[in-house]
């Protein structure tokens, strides 16, 4: 996988770009002025970021695996230490499929009924491959979402969710918070990069 140079990333016109940002040269971005990238962010091959008025915000220490899509007019936010596995799709806009309205972005809005809703993915959330998240929705801190799951409702902190629609099956351990604390202490002492 080839990564863009820092100067190439800055030339794209992102709202902000943190330190140690690695973006595949095969990823696509639309409306970069509405996209904020934190520190230590990696975006792999064939990802699509299409930011609407709400924008897309990535915190620190984020990994977005191959073929992930973040699309919509509402805000999409990933808090620190998140991971999106391959082929995850996150939508902050959704057409009305009832037949009462027309669909697709090439039809004037007077004839469509698109609902926009923010998507928040909290700290330490991990989303399994092939999952779909449709806003408005919040995945609170520490949520683990199993592969091929569909999320259309909020997920409570440190829950493990699976299925279509996703249902909580048990509680996720929170030991990762101790590791986060130790990691940040090591960073403060200059022991980690």
Foldseek 3Di string as FASTA:
>chain_A
DDWDDPVVVVVVQACEAEAQETEDPQEEEAPRPQEYYEEQEYEDHHEYEYEACQGEYEYYNEYEEYQEYEDENHYEYEYPAEYEYHQEYEYQKDWDPPPCFDDDPVDDPVRTDIHGAYEAEEACEYAEHCEYEYDPEYEYAQEYEYHNEYDYYYHDHQFYWYHDPTDGDGGHDPCVVVVVVVVVVCVVVVNDD
